[in-house]
Amino acid sequence: MERPPTSNPRVNAGEALSIYESARGQPRKRILVEPLLWTRLHLEILSCTFSHCSPAPPAMMHLPSTEDARQDARLRRDFERFFFGYRNLRVAKEGVLRGHLCDEPSPLSWCCDLYLHLGGNRSIILPCTYYCLGDYIPVAAHIDRSRILTQRQKKLGLPMGLRYSLPAFNVSELKLKSVTPTDPLHDPYLVALLIALGQLQWRALGRQKPQQAAGVTPKLMFSTEDRKNIYILSANISSSLINMFHYPAIKPAAPDPLVVRISSVAYEPIETLRGRLLALLLLLLSTISIKDVDKLENLIVYT
């Protein structure tokens, strides 16, 4: 059973704590662990909450297909065969989406794996696929739930095959259950991916950041066993949160809540899925036109 909610150590203290202070304040719990092993406690330390899942704007469902009937038929056939087939293997699902979003003509290119940076020297690899505008502006990432579950099993050393031992298996199963949330959409690993992508976006802005820049807006596509919807998680990653990870020993000026917004996007009609996803990932505001999606400032949250 998932651990019941506890009070937020940062909020109760009435002041913001550094990451290292939060770790020292929980001496009986492991705080400085890889994101695959994050729990609700880590979300509390980050003052992280999740919105209710809401459907994408209805107008998105009425976008027309940009392909002819023959291409639409091929697209549907391949998507149903590889994305929904092959036992929902994450390799097939993530590969299909890569091809779907980056097929010419597309403003996106894709890369493998993000890195969560903690302090000056420590970087933790977070396997996933992420997408850039052109070659250098990261805007979104994608991961399938089966990849997260498989990685957790490997990290906890779940015994398999010739190494199988019932007592060892039971212990590993208990550990796995303790770090697997009951609601997949509230998985702390997804929050780590958003933060890592936010760190990368902030670095990509470089010296072009305006003085009033307060943060960035990463987005994460999350596919699950759900055959009707893919989910998009987004958050405003503030500069103070980025600095908190870059300088884990330094106390932030004030508590900075992190709110993760969740929306669902129907796969059907498959013929328009690519256009709908591109619109949701790239057009951050309804006033931004497609010709502006390659501009760095569209990623910025302003004060």
C-alpha atoms as a PDB file:
ATOM      1  CA  MET A   1       0.000   0.000   0.000  1.00  0.00           C
ATOM      2  CA  GLU A   2       1.266   3.448  -0.886  1.00  0.00           C
ATOM      3  CA  ARG A   3       2.390   5.539   2.063  1.00  0.00           C
ATOM      4  CA  PRO A   4      -0.368   7.936   3.202  1.00  0.00           C
ATOM      5  CA  PRO A   5       0.142  11.667   2.645  1.00  0.00           C
ATOM      6  CA  THR A   6       2.344  13.434   5.144  1.00  0.00           C
ATOM      7  CA  SER A   7       2.808  17.078   5.866  1.00  0.00           C
ATOM      8  CA  ASN A   8       5.179  18.980   3.617  1.00  0.00           C
ATOM      9  CA  PRO A   9       8.484  19.536   5.483  1.00  0.00           C
ATOM     10  CA  ARG A  10       9.188  22.723   3.538  1.00  0.00           C
ATOM     11  CA  VAL A  11       5.761  24.276   4.075  1.00  0.00           C
ATOM     12  CA  ASN A  12       5.578  23.316   7.765  1.00  0.00           C
ATOM     13  CA  ALA A  13       8.936  24.868   8.450  1.00  0.00           C
ATOM     14  CA  GLY A  14       7.669  28.158   7.028  1.00  0.00           C
ATOM     15  CA  GLU A  15      10.797  28.581   4.962  1.00  0.00           C
ATOM     16  CA  ALA A  16      12.481  27.103   1.934  1.00  0.00           C
ATOM     17  CA  LEU A  17      15.122  24.440   2.508  1.00  0.00           C
ATOM     18  CA  SER A  18      18.028  23.418   0.347  1.00  0.00           C
ATOM     19  CA  ILE A  19      18.068  19.870  -1.008  1.00  0.00           C
ATOM     20  CA  TYR A  20      20.817  18.898   1.421  1.00  0.00           C
ATOM     21  CA  GLU A  21      18.925  20.443   4.366  1.00  0.00           C
ATOM     22  CA  SER A  22      15.845  18.441   3.382  1.00  0.00           C
ATOM     23  CA  ALA A  23      17.946  15.273   3.318  1.00  0.00           C
ATOM     24  CA  ARG A  24      19.396  15.983   6.766  1.00  0.00           C
ATOM     25  CA  GLY A  25      15.891  16.663   8.069  1.00  0.00           C
ATOM     26  CA  GLN A  26      14.821  13.106   7.151  1.00  0.00           C
ATOM     27  CA  PRO A  27      17.702  11.030   8.604  1.00  0.00           C
ATOM     28  CA  ARG A  28      15.757   7.756   8.533  1.00  0.00           C
ATOM     29  CA  LYS A  29      14.790   8.092   4.885  1.00  0.00           C
ATOM     30  CA  ARG A  30      16.886   8.022   1.748  1.00  0.00           C
ATOM     31  CA  ILE A  31      16.446  11.360   0.008  1.00  0.00           C
ATOM     32  CA  LEU A  32      19.448  11.517  -2.321  1.00  0.00           C
ATOM     33  CA  VAL A  33      18.513   8.592  -4.546  1.00  0.00           C
ATOM     34  CA  GLU A  34      18.016   8.188  -8.276  1.00  0.00           C
ATOM     35  CA  PRO A  35      14.687   9.476  -9.627  1.00  0.00           C
ATOM     36  CA  LEU A  36      13.540   5.923 -10.381  1.00  0.00           C
ATOM     37  CA  LEU A  37      13.376   5.476  -6.604  1.00  0.00           C
ATOM     38  CA  TRP A  38      11.716   8.783  -5.781  1.00  0.00           C
ATOM     39  CA  THR A  39       8.558   8.577  -3.695  1.00  0.00           C
ATOM     40  CA  ARG A  40       5.827  10.929  -2.533  1.00  0.00           C
ATOM     41  CA  LEU A  41       8.292  12.320   0.001  1.00  0.00           C
ATOM     42  CA  HIS A  42      10.393  13.751  -2.821  1.00  0.00           C
ATOM     43  CA  LEU A  43       7.312  15.416  -4.278  1.00  0.00           C
ATOM     44  CA  GLU A  44       6.610  16.961  -0.877  1.00  0.00           C
ATOM     45  CA  ILE A  45      10.164  18.287  -0.632  1.00  0.00           C
ATOM     46  CA  LEU A  46       9.717  19.878  -4.063  1.00  0.00           C
ATOM     47  CA  SER A  47       6.273  21.234  -3.058  1.00  0.00           C
ATOM     48  CA  CYS A  48       4.976  19.418  -6.129  1.00  0.00           C
ATOM     49  CA  THR A  49       1.283  18.901  -6.842  1.00  0.00           C
ATOM     50  CA  PHE A  50      -0.647  17.621  -9.855  1.00  0.00           C
ATOM     51  CA  SER A  51      -3.664  19.141 -11.538  1.00  0.00           C
ATOM     52  CA  HIS A  52      -6.684  17.074 -12.464  1.00  0.00           C
ATOM     53  CA  CYS A  53      -6.338  15.496 -15.882  1.00  0.00           C
ATOM     54  CA  SER A  54      -8.342  17.446 -18.446  1.00  0.00           C
ATOM     55  CA  PRO A  55      -8.882  16.792 -22.159  1.00  0.00           C
ATOM     56  CA  ALA A  56      -7.023  18.823 -24.750  1.00  0.00           C
ATOM     57  CA  PRO A  57      -8.911  21.842 -26.149  1.00  0.00           C
ATOM     58  CA  PRO A  58     -11.847  20.653 -28.300  1.00  0.00           C
ATOM     59  CA  ALA A  59     -10.660  22.809 -31.203  1.00  0.00           C
ATOM     60  CA  MET A  60      -7.650  20.495 -31.529  1.00  0.00           C
ATOM     61  CA  MET A  61      -9.937  17.618 -32.492  1.00  0.00           C
ATOM     62  CA  HIS A  62     -11.033  19.441 -35.628  1.00  0.00           C
ATOM     63  CA  LEU A  63      -7.625  19.956 -37.205  1.00  0.00           C
ATOM     64  CA  PRO A  64      -7.666  18.580 -40.772  1.00  0.00           C
ATOM     65  CA  SER A  65      -5.308  15.905 -42.021  1.00  0.00           C
ATOM     66  CA  THR A  66      -2.462  17.227 -44.164  1.00  0.00           C
ATOM     67  CA  GLU A  67      -1.996  13.948 -46.074  1.00  0.00           C
ATOM     68  CA  ASP A  68      -3.888  12.348 -48.929  1.00  0.00           C
ATOM     69  CA  ALA A  69      -6.187   9.348 -48.407  1.00  0.00           C
ATOM     70  CA  ARG A  70      -3.522   6.778 -49.328  1.00  0.00           C
ATOM     71  CA  GLN A  71      -0.990   8.208 -46.889  1.00  0.00           C
ATOM     72  CA  ASP A  72      -3.654   8.411 -44.181  1.00  0.00           C
ATOM     73  CA  ALA A  73      -4.470   4.724 -44.671  1.00  0.00           C
ATOM     74  CA  ARG A  74      -0.784   3.748 -44.443  1.00  0.00           C
ATOM     75  CA  LEU A  75      -0.333   5.900 -41.355  1.00  0.00           C
ATOM     76  CA  ARG A  76      -3.281   4.274 -39.602  1.00  0.00           C
ATOM     77  CA  ARG A  77      -2.156   0.768 -40.546  1.00  0.00           C
ATOM     78  CA  ASP A  78       1.404   1.285 -39.307  1.00  0.00           C
ATOM     79  CA  PHE A  79       0.301   3.028 -36.119  1.00  0.00           C
ATOM     80  CA  GLU A  80      -2.173   0.308 -35.182  1.00  0.00           C
ATOM     81  CA  ARG A  81       0.302  -2.442 -36.012  1.00  0.00           C
ATOM     82  CA  PHE A  82       3.376  -1.134 -34.229  1.00  0.00           C
ATOM     83  CA  PHE A  83       2.076   1.234 -31.539  1.00  0.00           C
ATOM     84  CA  PHE A  84      -0.808  -0.908 -30.321  1.00  0.00           C
ATOM     85  CA  GLY A  85       0.710  -4.231 -31.339  1.00  0.00           C
ATOM     86  CA  TYR A  86       3.913  -5.986 -30.312  1.00  0.00           C
ATOM     87  CA  ARG A  87       2.653  -6.427 -26.755  1.00  0.00           C
ATOM     88  CA  ASN A  88       2.915  -2.666 -26.279  1.00  0.00           C
ATOM     89  CA  LEU A  89       6.718  -2.877 -26.177  1.00  0.00           C
ATOM     90  CA  ARG A  90       8.064   0.541 -25.313  1.00  0.00           C
ATOM     91  CA  VAL A  91      10.734   0.286 -28.054  1.00  0.00           C
ATOM     92  CA  ALA A  92       8.033  -0.006 -30.696  1.00  0.00           C
ATOM     93  CA  LYS A  93       5.788   2.652 -29.154  1.00  0.00           C
ATOM     94  CA  GLU A  94       8.513   5.229 -28.673  1.00  0.00           C
ATOM     95  CA  GLY A  95       9.901   4.476 -32.135  1.00  0.00           C
ATOM     96  CA  VAL A  96       6.515   4.902 -33.789  1.00  0.00           C
ATOM     97  CA  LEU A  97       5.989   8.259 -32.108  1.00  0.00           C
ATOM     98  CA  ARG A  98       9.479   9.416 -33.139  1.00  0.00           C
ATOM     99  CA  GLY A  99       8.713   8.604 -36.746  1.00  0.00           C
ATOM    100  CA  HIS A 100       5.282  10.143 -36.437  1.00  0.00           C
ATOM    101  CA  LEU A 101       6.510  13.492 -35.113  1.00  0.00           C
ATOM    102  CA  CYS A 102       9.788  13.832 -37.008  1.00  0.00           C
ATOM    103  CA  ASP A 103       8.729  12.603 -40.443  1.00  0.00           C
ATOM    104  CA  GLU A 104       9.358  15.262 -43.081  1.00  0.00           C
ATOM    105  CA  PRO A 105       8.232  17.959 -43.235  1.00  0.00           C
ATOM    106  CA  SER A 106       8.584  18.523 -39.493  1.00  0.00           C
ATOM    107  CA  PRO A 107      10.251  21.203 -37.377  1.00  0.00           C
ATOM    108  CA  LEU A 108      11.320  18.543 -34.847  1.00  0.00           C
ATOM    109  CA  SER A 109      14.387  16.360 -34.471  1.00  0.00           C
ATOM    110  CA  TRP A 110      14.846  13.785 -31.722  1.00  0.00           C
ATOM    111  CA  CYS A 111      17.574  12.819 -29.253  1.00  0.00           C
ATOM    112  CA  CYS A 112      18.061  10.099 -26.646  1.00  0.00           C
ATOM    113  CA  ASP A 113      18.171  10.524 -22.880  1.00  0.00           C
ATOM    114  CA  LEU A 114      18.047  13.493 -20.552  1.00  0.00           C
ATOM    115  CA  TYR A 115      20.346  14.196 -17.610  1.00  0.00           C
ATOM    116  CA  LEU A 116      19.239  15.482 -14.234  1.00  0.00           C
ATOM    117  CA  HIS A 117      21.997  17.654 -12.784  1.00  0.00           C
ATOM    118  CA  LEU A 118      22.470  17.892  -9.034  1.00  0.00           C
ATOM    119  CA  GLY A 119      25.342  20.085  -7.990  1.00  0.00           C
ATOM    120  CA  GLY A 120      28.352  20.859 -10.115  1.00  0.00           C
ATOM    121  CA  ASN A 121      29.601  17.351 -10.809  1.00  0.00           C
ATOM    122  CA  ARG A 122      26.731  14.909 -10.481  1.00  0.00           C
ATOM    123  CA  SER A 123      24.538  14.034 -13.473  1.00  0.00           C
ATOM    124  CA  ILE A 124      21.964  11.239 -13.513  1.00  0.00           C
ATOM    125  CA  ILE A 125      20.905   9.768 -16.846  1.00  0.00           C
ATOM    126  CA  LEU A 126      17.149   9.583 -17.409  1.00  0.00           C
ATOM    127  CA  PRO A 127      16.479   7.323 -20.407  1.00  0.00           C
ATOM    128  CA  CYS A 128      13.757   8.700 -22.678  1.00  0.00           C
ATOM    129  CA  THR A 129      13.298  10.392 -26.046  1.00  0.00           C
ATOM    130  CA  TYR A 130      13.266  14.163 -26.272  1.00  0.00           C
ATOM    131  CA  TYR A 131      12.489  16.489 -29.143  1.00  0.00           C
ATOM    132  CA  CYS A 132      14.126  19.690 -30.311  1.00  0.00           C
ATOM    133  CA  LEU A 133      13.148  22.472 -32.657  1.00  0.00           C
ATOM    134  CA  GLY A 134      15.853  22.213 -35.274  1.00  0.00           C
ATOM    135  CA  ASP A 135      19.023  20.957 -33.631  1.00  0.00           C
ATOM    136  CA  TYR A 136      19.251  22.786 -30.348  1.00  0.00           C
ATOM    137  CA  ILE A 137      15.975  24.027 -28.800  1.00  0.00           C
ATOM    138  CA  PRO A 138      14.530  21.255 -26.558  1.00  0.00           C
ATOM    139  CA  VAL A 139      10.756  21.495 -26.234  1.00  0.00           C
ATOM    140  CA  ALA A 140       9.308  18.142 -25.168  1.00  0.00           C
ATOM    141  CA  ALA A 141      10.095  14.566 -24.184  1.00  0.00           C
ATOM    142  CA  HIS A 142       8.335  11.215 -24.378  1.00  0.00           C
ATOM    143  CA  ILE A 143       8.454   8.078 -22.298  1.00  0.00           C
ATOM    144  CA  ASP A 144       6.294   4.984 -22.174  1.00  0.00           C
ATOM    145  CA  ARG A 145       5.253   3.627 -18.797  1.00  0.00           C
ATOM    146  CA  SER A 146       6.620   0.179 -19.597  1.00  0.00           C
ATOM    147  CA  ARG A 147      10.117   1.669 -19.825  1.00  0.00           C
ATOM    148  CA  ILE A 148       9.812   3.139 -16.325  1.00  0.00           C
ATOM    149  CA  LEU A 149       8.592  -0.161 -14.871  1.00  0.00           C
ATOM    150  CA  THR A 150      11.366  -2.133 -16.579  1.00  0.00           C
ATOM    151  CA  GLN A 151      14.044   0.288 -15.382  1.00  0.00           C
ATOM    152  CA  ARG A 152      12.772   0.097 -11.816  1.00  0.00           C
ATOM    153  CA  GLN A 153      12.867  -3.686 -11.887  1.00  0.00           C
ATOM    154  CA  LYS A 154      16.470  -3.617 -13.093  1.00  0.00           C
ATOM    155  CA  LYS A 155      17.480  -0.977 -10.572  1.00  0.00           C
ATOM    156  CA  LEU A 156      16.073  -3.036  -7.694  1.00  0.00           C
ATOM    157  CA  GLY A 157      17.670  -6.228  -8.996  1.00  0.00           C
ATOM    158  CA  LEU A 158      14.458  -8.192  -9.401  1.00  0.00           C
ATOM    159  CA  PRO A 159      15.779 -11.802  -9.686  1.00  0.00           C
ATOM    160  CA  MET A 160      14.843 -13.550 -12.896  1.00  0.00           C
ATOM    161  CA  GLY A 161      15.700 -16.727 -14.784  1.00  0.00           C
ATOM    162  CA  LEU A 162      18.381 -18.956 -13.265  1.00  0.00           C
ATOM    163  CA  ARG A 163      18.904 -16.479 -10.434  1.00  0.00           C
ATOM    164  CA  TYR A 164      15.293 -16.774  -9.351  1.00  0.00           C
ATOM    165  CA  SER A 165      14.797 -17.131  -5.612  1.00  0.00           C
ATOM    166  CA  LEU A 166      11.361 -16.818  -4.039  1.00  0.00           C
ATOM    167  CA  PRO A 167      12.520 -15.014  -0.852  1.00  0.00           C
ATOM    168  CA  ALA A 168      14.697 -12.600  -2.843  1.00  0.00           C
ATOM    169  CA  PHE A 169      11.889 -12.080  -5.333  1.00  0.00           C
ATOM    170  CA  ASN A 170       9.419 -11.256  -2.554  1.00  0.00           C
ATOM    171  CA  VAL A 171      11.798  -8.707  -1.011  1.00  0.00           C
ATOM    172  CA  SER A 172      12.377  -7.049  -4.379  1.00  0.00           C
ATOM    173  CA  GLU A 173       8.646  -7.024  -5.067  1.00  0.00           C
ATOM    174  CA  LEU A 174       8.023  -5.170  -1.804  1.00  0.00           C
ATOM    175  CA  LYS A 175      10.710  -2.623  -2.669  1.00  0.00           C
ATOM    176  CA  LEU A 176       9.240  -2.205  -6.147  1.00  0.00           C
ATOM    177  CA  LYS A 177       5.765  -1.676  -4.736  1.00  0.00           C
ATOM    178  CA  SER A 178       7.031   0.985  -2.327  1.00  0.00           C
ATOM    179  CA  VAL A 179       8.385   3.139  -5.185  1.00  0.00           C
ATOM    180  CA  THR A 180       5.581   2.525  -7.702  1.00  0.00           C
ATOM    181  CA  PRO A 181       2.728   5.044  -7.363  1.00  0.00           C
ATOM    182  CA  THR A 182      -0.858   3.861  -7.498  1.00  0.00           C
ATOM    183  CA  ASP A 183      -1.638   6.554 -10.073  1.00  0.00           C
ATOM    184  CA  PRO A 184       0.770   6.295 -13.042  1.00  0.00           C
ATOM    185  CA  LEU A 185       0.138   9.951 -13.936  1.00  0.00           C
ATOM    186  CA  HIS A 186       1.562  11.005 -10.558  1.00  0.00           C
ATOM    187  CA  ASP A 187       4.832   9.110 -10.927  1.00  0.00           C
ATOM    188  CA  PRO A 188       7.723  11.106  -9.384  1.00  0.00           C
ATOM    189  CA  TYR A 189       9.942   9.954 -12.254  1.00  0.00           C
ATOM    190  CA  LEU A 190       7.819  12.053 -14.616  1.00  0.00           C
ATOM    191  CA  VAL A 191       8.534  15.093 -12.450  1.00  0.00           C
ATOM    192  CA  ALA A 192      12.262  14.350 -12.649  1.00  0.00           C
ATOM    193  CA  LEU A 193      12.006  14.227 -16.447  1.00  0.00           C
ATOM    194  CA  LEU A 194      10.253  17.610 -16.515  1.00  0.00           C
ATOM    195  CA  ILE A 195      12.938  19.131 -14.290  1.00  0.00           C
ATOM    196  CA  ALA A 196      15.750  17.626 -16.391  1.00  0.00           C
ATOM    197  CA  LEU A 197      14.172  18.950 -19.586  1.00  0.00           C
ATOM    198  CA  GLY A 198      13.717  22.325 -17.903  1.00  0.00           C
ATOM    199  CA  GLN A 199      17.414  22.365 -16.998  1.00  0.00           C
ATOM    200  CA  LEU A 200      18.304  21.645 -20.623  1.00  0.00           C
ATOM    201  CA  GLN A 201      15.954  24.366 -21.875  1.00  0.00           C
ATOM    202  CA  TRP A 202      17.454  26.881 -19.458  1.00  0.00           C
ATOM    203  CA  ARG A 203      20.974  26.074 -20.683  1.00  0.00           C
ATOM    204  CA  ALA A 204      19.803  26.312 -24.305  1.00  0.00           C
ATOM    205  CA  LEU A 205      18.621  29.858 -23.673  1.00  0.00           C
ATOM    206  CA  GLY A 206      22.169  30.787 -22.694  1.00  0.00           C
ATOM    207  CA  ARG A 207      23.007  34.454 -22.859  1.00  0.00           C
ATOM    208  CA  GLN A 208      19.858  35.104 -24.871  1.00  0.00           C
ATOM    209  CA  LYS A 209      17.778  34.933 -21.675  1.00  0.00           C
ATOM    210  CA  PRO A 210      16.073  38.275 -21.043  1.00  0.00           C
ATOM    211  CA  GLN A 211      16.476  39.719 -17.553  1.00  0.00           C
ATOM    212  CA  GLN A 212      12.793  39.197 -16.772  1.00  0.00           C
ATOM    213  CA  ALA A 213      12.936  35.457 -17.587  1.00  0.00           C
ATOM    214  CA  ALA A 214      11.567  33.554 -14.585  1.00  0.00           C
ATOM    215  CA  GLY A 215      11.674  29.985 -15.893  1.00  0.00           C
ATOM    216  CA  VAL A 216      10.888  27.629 -18.744  1.00  0.00           C
ATOM    217  CA  THR A 217       7.966  25.415 -19.793  1.00  0.00           C
ATOM    218  CA  PRO A 218       8.941  21.795 -20.548  1.00  0.00           C
ATOM    219  CA  LYS A 219       6.344  19.306 -21.752  1.00  0.00           C
ATOM    220  CA  LEU A 220       6.327  15.528 -21.453  1.00  0.00           C
ATOM    221  CA  MET A 221       4.310  13.024 -23.471  1.00  0.00           C
ATOM    222  CA  PHE A 222       3.437   9.918 -21.475  1.00  0.00           C
ATOM    223  CA  SER A 223       1.997   6.790 -23.075  1.00  0.00           C
ATOM    224  CA  THR A 224       0.523   4.023 -20.937  1.00  0.00           C
ATOM    225  CA  GLU A 225      -1.589   0.910 -21.318  1.00  0.00           C
ATOM    226  CA  ASP A 226      -4.457   3.254 -22.160  1.00  0.00           C
ATOM    227  CA  ARG A 227      -5.330   2.630 -25.816  1.00  0.00           C
ATOM    228  CA  LYS A 228      -7.503   5.735 -26.078  1.00  0.00           C
ATOM    229  CA  ASN A 229      -5.280   8.563 -24.860  1.00  0.00           C
ATOM    230  CA  ILE A 230      -1.731   9.769 -24.631  1.00  0.00           C
ATOM    231  CA  TYR A 231      -1.015  12.273 -21.865  1.00  0.00           C
ATOM    232  CA  ILE A 232       0.891  15.545 -21.878  1.00  0.00           C
ATOM    233  CA  LEU A 233       2.373  16.799 -18.615  1.00  0.00           C
ATOM    234  CA  SER A 234       3.707  20.329 -18.397  1.00  0.00           C
ATOM    235  CA  ALA A 235       5.057  22.643 -15.728  1.00  0.00           C
ATOM    236  CA  ASN A 236       6.604  26.040 -15.244  1.00  0.00           C
ATOM    237  CA  ILE A 237      10.118  25.214 -14.061  1.00  0.00           C
ATOM    238  CA  SER A 238      11.299  28.342 -12.294  1.00  0.00           C
ATOM    239  CA  SER A 239      14.843  29.642 -12.318  1.00  0.00           C
ATOM    240  CA  SER A 240      14.906  29.262  -8.523  1.00  0.00           C
ATOM    241  CA  LEU A 241      14.068  25.541  -8.819  1.00  0.00           C
ATOM    242  CA  ILE A 242      16.802  25.133 -11.429  1.00  0.00           C
ATOM    243  CA  ASN A 243      19.234  26.898  -9.094  1.00  0.00           C
ATOM    244  CA  MET A 244      18.124  24.700  -6.192  1.00  0.00           C
ATOM    245  CA  PHE A 245      19.321  21.631  -8.101  1.00  0.00           C
ATOM    246  CA  HIS A 246      22.459  23.377  -9.349  1.00  0.00           C
ATOM    247  CA  TYR A 247      23.352  24.536  -5.830  1.00  0.00           C
ATOM    248  CA  PRO A 248      21.865  21.814  -3.569  1.00  0.00           C
ATOM    249  CA  ALA A 249      23.589  23.182  -0.455  1.00  0.00           C
ATOM    250  CA  ILE A 250      22.172  26.702  -0.816  1.00  0.00           C
ATOM    251  CA  LYS A 251      18.784  27.596   0.634  1.00  0.00           C
ATOM    252  CA  PRO A 252      16.321  29.135  -1.875  1.00  0.00           C
ATOM    253  CA  ALA A 253      15.009  32.612  -1.132  1.00  0.00           C
ATOM    254  CA  ALA A 254      11.419  31.356  -0.692  1.00  0.00           C
ATOM    255  CA  PRO A 255       9.330  28.190  -1.140  1.00  0.00           C
ATOM    256  CA  ASP A 256       8.541  27.750  -4.822  1.00  0.00           C
ATOM    257  CA  PRO A 257       5.596  25.375  -5.485  1.00  0.00           C
ATOM    258  CA  LEU A 258       5.766  23.181  -8.571  1.00  0.00           C
ATOM    259  CA  VAL A 259       2.425  22.458 -10.253  1.00  0.00           C
ATOM    260  CA  VAL A 260       2.299  19.754 -12.922  1.00  0.00           C
ATOM    261  CA  ARG A 261      -0.568  20.171 -15.372  1.00  0.00           C
ATOM    262  CA  ILE A 262      -1.970  17.057 -17.066  1.00  0.00           C
ATOM    263  CA  SER A 263      -4.019  16.849 -20.239  1.00  0.00           C
ATOM    264  CA  SER A 264      -5.206  13.871 -22.259  1.00  0.00           C
ATOM    265  CA  VAL A 265      -4.997  13.689 -26.047  1.00  0.00           C
ATOM    266  CA  ALA A 266      -7.118  11.124 -27.879  1.00  0.00           C
ATOM    267  CA  TYR A 267      -5.257   8.949 -30.361  1.00  0.00           C
ATOM    268  CA  GLU A 268      -8.285   9.011 -32.648  1.00  0.00           C
ATOM    269  CA  PRO A 269      -8.506  10.213 -35.276  1.00  0.00           C
ATOM    270  CA  ILE A 270      -5.009   8.849 -35.905  1.00  0.00           C
ATOM    271  CA  GLU A 271      -4.861  10.725 -39.209  1.00  0.00           C
ATOM    272  CA  THR A 272      -4.661  14.059 -37.348  1.00  0.00           C
ATOM    273  CA  LEU A 273      -2.695  12.932 -34.269  1.00  0.00           C
ATOM    274  CA  ARG A 274       0.604  14.297 -35.547  1.00  0.00           C
ATOM    275  CA  GLY A 275      -0.862  17.737 -36.238  1.00  0.00           C
ATOM    276  CA  ARG A 276      -2.636  17.840 -32.893  1.00  0.00           C
ATOM    277  CA  LEU A 277       0.474  16.852 -30.941  1.00  0.00           C
ATOM    278  CA  LEU A 278       2.659  19.362 -32.778  1.00  0.00           C
ATOM    279  CA  ALA A 279       0.126  22.101 -32.078  1.00  0.00           C
ATOM    280  CA  LEU A 280      -0.040  21.249 -28.367  1.00  0.00           C
ATOM    281  CA  LEU A 281       3.725  20.881 -27.961  1.00  0.00           C
ATOM    282  CA  LEU A 282       4.843  23.896 -29.949  1.00  0.00           C
ATOM    283  CA  LEU A 283       2.094  26.480 -29.763  1.00  0.00           C
ATOM    284  CA  LEU A 284       2.338  27.530 -26.153  1.00  0.00           C
ATOM    285  CA  LEU A 285      -0.169  30.347 -26.610  1.00  0.00           C
ATOM    286  CA  SER A 286      -3.090  30.583 -28.997  1.00  0.00           C
ATOM    287  CA  THR A 287      -1.617  33.823 -30.343  1.00  0.00           C
ATOM    288  CA  ILE A 288       1.609  32.159 -31.461  1.00  0.00           C
ATOM    289  CA  SER A 289       1.624  31.136 -35.100  1.00  0.00           C
ATOM    290  CA  ILE A 290       3.434  28.136 -36.560  1.00  0.00           C
ATOM    291  CA  LYS A 291       6.034  30.443 -38.140  1.00  0.00           C
ATOM    292  CA  ASP A 292       7.151  31.473 -34.644  1.00  0.00           C
ATOM    293  CA  VAL A 293       7.718  28.036 -33.141  1.00  0.00           C
ATOM    294  CA  ASP A 294      11.483  28.141 -33.668  1.00  0.00           C
ATOM    295  CA  LYS A 295      11.903  31.143 -31.372  1.00  0.00           C
ATOM    296  CA  LEU A 296      13.586  30.595 -28.016  1.00  0.00           C
ATOM    297  CA  GLU A 297      11.407  33.116 -26.207  1.00  0.00           C
ATOM    298  CA  ASN A 298       8.354  30.894 -26.683  1.00  0.00           C
ATOM    299  CA  LEU A 299       9.794  28.599 -23.998  1.00  0.00           C
ATOM    300  CA  ILE A 300      10.241  31.324 -21.400  1.00  0.00           C
ATOM    301  CA  VAL A 301       8.056  32.108 -18.411  1.00  0.00           C
ATOM    302  CA  TYR A 302       8.250  35.810 -17.639  1.00  0.00           C
ATOM    303  CA  THR A 303       7.942  37.603 -14.326  1.00  0.00           C
END
